[in-house]
Amino acid sequence: MSDLPEQTPPASPMLASDGERDDVVLHLREAVGEGRLTLEEFSDRVDLVHASRTHGELEVITRDLPALVSPSAPALAPQQHRAVCSHLVRQGPWALPTSSNWRSVFGTIDLDLRQARLSGSETTMVIYNLFGTVTVIVPRGVEVVISGGGLFASQKVESPEHAPGPGAPRLLIECHGPGGTLHVRSHPTRRSPLKGSLGGD
């Protein structure tokens, strides 16, 4: 009887390091800036990154993304939006430039960013609020920085359960104007007005 060749046992999966997980998050952030992933998709994949233990699990998360980061697309031109005694809604898949201006004059603005496509890893929204109401829904995993405000103005910010990880996209909200209320949360309320039609200018 001939001797059977000795079989090499399959190699054990290579464990991933914290640094490698951080690299994957940065890769995902670049994909958001290129418009390949929405903010909500980024948040979901970041959760998978933090739960991954091996290289193979990390590779699955980015297998539908290019291995090499392509040059960033040109930034969209600054945009102006306003709701004057009216209701402005933005939701679903939509493009948000690196800088935009929003004015609520006795109006209501509802912005749902969960499926928004960003033009860069850092996005600035300038909000002027004159006794209006502005609601911004930001998915988990996005760093939000709020600055400014005005006389008689109020800000109601609901912090996410988990802090954004390294390399998370940044959303800078600059507030101006006398009066009005700014709501920032990670999910719509039960009586959310985001079911309405698009409006405003």
Foldseek 3Di string as FASTA:
>chain_A
DDDDDDDDDDDDFAFDDPVVLLVLLLVLLLCLLQQNAAQLLSVVLNVQSVVDTGPVSSCVSCVVPDPDRDDQDDFDDEEEFEAACEEAADDDEDEATQEYEYEYHQYEYEYERNRYRYNHLEHEYEYEYEAYEYEYAGAPQEAEAEDEDAAQEEEAEDDDPDHHDPNGRYYYYYYHYHHYYYYYYNDADPPGPNVDDGDGD
